[in-house]
């Protein structure tokens, strides 16, 4: 049961990431102040430099830069994969 709950939490995290990318790319402006997560409990202040570039963690410390549509597609693929795995 713990593995299932973990997969469901991961799926929700990817779904939230997809929504967050959409909101930043459509509603935020360059220069807006944001709090950037460095870990689950540590955030630092920052300013948006570009609202169409996103750094996405691929896993185990690897990152890739995507535009908004690419980042949303990545999150959607990962959410679907996680959902399929949990069924």
C-alpha atoms as a PDB file:
ATOM      1  CA  UNK A   1       0.000   0.000   0.000  1.00  0.00           C
ATOM      2  CA  UNK A   2       2.901   2.371   0.725  1.00  0.00           C
ATOM      3  CA  UNK A   3       4.299   1.970  -2.791  1.00  0.00           C
ATOM      4  CA  UNK A   4       0.902   2.736  -4.304  1.00  0.00           C
ATOM      5  CA  UNK A   5       0.530   5.883  -2.188  1.00  0.00           C
ATOM      6  CA  UNK A   6       4.035   6.950  -3.140  1.00  0.00           C
ATOM      7  CA  UNK A   7       3.277   6.551  -6.846  1.00  0.00           C
ATOM      8  CA  UNK A   8       0.021   8.501  -6.465  1.00  0.00           C
ATOM      9  CA  UNK A   9       1.889  11.317  -4.687  1.00  0.00           C
ATOM     10  CA  UNK A  10       4.472  11.372  -7.488  1.00  0.00           C
ATOM     11  CA  UNK A  11       1.727  11.487 -10.127  1.00  0.00           C
ATOM     12  CA  UNK A  12       0.138  14.463  -8.348  1.00  0.00           C
ATOM     13  CA  UNK A  13       3.525  16.201  -8.201  1.00  0.00           C
ATOM     14  CA  UNK A  14       3.901  15.932 -11.987  1.00  0.00           C
ATOM     15  CA  UNK A  15       0.327  17.147 -12.524  1.00  0.00           C
ATOM     16  CA  UNK A  16       1.038  20.123 -10.248  1.00  0.00           C
ATOM     17  CA  UNK A  17       4.252  20.835 -12.174  1.00  0.00           C
ATOM     18  CA  UNK A  18       2.319  20.937 -15.441  1.00  0.00           C
ATOM     19  CA  UNK A  19      -0.168  23.444 -14.004  1.00  0.00           C
ATOM     20  CA  UNK A  20       2.602  25.521 -12.462  1.00  0.00           C
ATOM     21  CA  UNK A  21       4.464  25.796 -15.787  1.00  0.00           C
ATOM     22  CA  UNK A  22       1.252  26.908 -17.498  1.00  0.00           C
ATOM     23  CA  UNK A  23       0.569  29.557 -14.860  1.00  0.00           C
ATOM     24  CA  UNK A  24       4.104  30.958 -14.903  1.00  0.00           C
ATOM     25  CA  UNK A  25       4.255  31.045 -18.708  1.00  0.00           C
ATOM     26  CA  UNK A  26       0.865  32.749 -19.114  1.00  0.00           C
ATOM     27  CA  UNK A  27       0.359  34.877 -15.992  1.00  0.00           C
ATOM     28  CA  UNK A  28       3.807  35.822 -14.700  1.00  0.00           C
ATOM     29  CA  UNK A  29       5.957  38.674 -15.982  1.00  0.00           C
ATOM     30  CA  UNK A  30       9.698  39.085 -16.355  1.00  0.00           C
ATOM     31  CA  UNK A  31      11.011  40.609 -13.130  1.00  0.00           C
ATOM     32  CA  UNK A  32       8.303  39.128 -10.879  1.00  0.00           C
ATOM     33  CA  UNK A  33       9.625  38.020  -7.512  1.00  0.00           C
ATOM     34  CA  UNK A  34       9.305  34.319  -6.694  1.00  0.00           C
ATOM     35  CA  UNK A  35      10.462  31.870  -4.041  1.00  0.00           C
ATOM     36  CA  UNK A  36      12.661  29.173  -5.571  1.00  0.00           C
ATOM     37  CA  UNK A  37      12.820  25.736  -3.937  1.00  0.00           C
ATOM     38  CA  UNK A  38      16.304  24.425  -3.199  1.00  0.00           C
ATOM     39  CA  UNK A  39      14.882  21.481  -1.254  1.00  0.00           C
ATOM     40  CA  UNK A  40      11.519  20.438   0.195  1.00  0.00           C
ATOM     41  CA  UNK A  41      11.945  22.861   3.080  1.00  0.00           C
ATOM     42  CA  UNK A  42      14.381  25.530   1.838  1.00  0.00           C
ATOM     43  CA  UNK A  43      13.316  28.351  -0.469  1.00  0.00           C
ATOM     44  CA  UNK A  44      15.268  31.399  -1.629  1.00  0.00           C
ATOM     45  CA  UNK A  45      13.950  34.621  -3.190  1.00  0.00           C
ATOM     46  CA  UNK A  46      14.547  35.244  -6.885  1.00  0.00           C
ATOM     47  CA  UNK A  47      13.248  37.143  -9.905  1.00  0.00           C
ATOM     48  CA  UNK A  48      11.960  35.726 -13.160  1.00  0.00           C
ATOM     49  CA  UNK A  49      14.311  36.370 -16.047  1.00  0.00           C
ATOM     50  CA  UNK A  50      12.294  34.538 -18.720  1.00  0.00           C
ATOM     51  CA  UNK A  51       8.762  33.139 -18.474  1.00  0.00           C
ATOM     52  CA  UNK A  52       9.203  30.631 -21.300  1.00  0.00           C
ATOM     53  CA  UNK A  53      12.331  28.752 -20.130  1.00  0.00           C
ATOM     54  CA  UNK A  54      12.140  26.038 -17.493  1.00  0.00           C
ATOM     55  CA  UNK A  55      14.800  23.846 -15.930  1.00  0.00           C
ATOM     56  CA  UNK A  56      13.334  20.369 -15.480  1.00  0.00           C
ATOM     57  CA  UNK A  57      14.900  17.684 -13.308  1.00  0.00           C
ATOM     58  CA  UNK A  58      15.142  14.488 -15.331  1.00  0.00           C
ATOM     59  CA  UNK A  59      16.273  12.462 -12.314  1.00  0.00           C
ATOM     60  CA  UNK A  60      19.404  11.681 -10.287  1.00  0.00           C
ATOM     61  CA  UNK A  61      20.761  15.215 -10.599  1.00  0.00           C
ATOM     62  CA  UNK A  62      20.306  15.600 -14.362  1.00  0.00           C
ATOM     63  CA  UNK A  63      18.468  18.637 -15.673  1.00  0.00           C
ATOM     64  CA  UNK A  64      17.267  19.836 -19.090  1.00  0.00           C
ATOM     65  CA  UNK A  65      16.025  23.211 -20.269  1.00  0.00           C
ATOM     66  CA  UNK A  66      12.599  23.213 -21.912  1.00  0.00           C
ATOM     67  CA  UNK A  67      10.269  25.873 -23.215  1.00  0.00           C
ATOM     68  CA  UNK A  68       6.816  26.027 -21.593  1.00  0.00           C
ATOM     69  CA  UNK A  69       5.167  23.562 -23.993  1.00  0.00           C
ATOM     70  CA  UNK A  70       8.070  21.110 -23.695  1.00  0.00           C
ATOM     71  CA  UNK A  71       8.053  21.267 -19.885  1.00  0.00           C
ATOM     72  CA  UNK A  72       4.289  20.689 -19.802  1.00  0.00           C
ATOM     73  CA  UNK A  73       4.635  17.736 -22.189  1.00  0.00           C
ATOM     74  CA  UNK A  74       7.422  16.261 -20.029  1.00  0.00           C
ATOM     75  CA  UNK A  75       5.255  16.529 -16.891  1.00  0.00           C
ATOM     76  CA  UNK A  76       2.271  15.018 -18.713  1.00  0.00           C
ATOM     77  CA  UNK A  77       4.370  12.058 -19.941  1.00  0.00           C
ATOM     78  CA  UNK A  78       5.805  11.430 -16.478  1.00  0.00           C
ATOM     79  CA  UNK A  79       2.350  11.686 -14.841  1.00  0.00           C
ATOM     80  CA  UNK A  80       0.878   9.236 -17.369  1.00  0.00           C
ATOM     81  CA  UNK A  81       3.791   6.815 -16.903  1.00  0.00           C
ATOM     82  CA  UNK A  82       3.441   6.991 -13.122  1.00  0.00           C
ATOM     83  CA  UNK A  83      -0.326   6.460 -13.351  1.00  0.00           C
ATOM     84  CA  UNK A  84       0.127   3.449 -15.636  1.00  0.00           C
ATOM     85  CA  UNK A  85       2.723   2.012 -13.271  1.00  0.00           C
ATOM     86  CA  UNK A  86       0.410   2.318 -10.262  1.00  0.00           C
ATOM     87  CA  UNK A  87      -2.494   0.479 -11.885  1.00  0.00           C
END
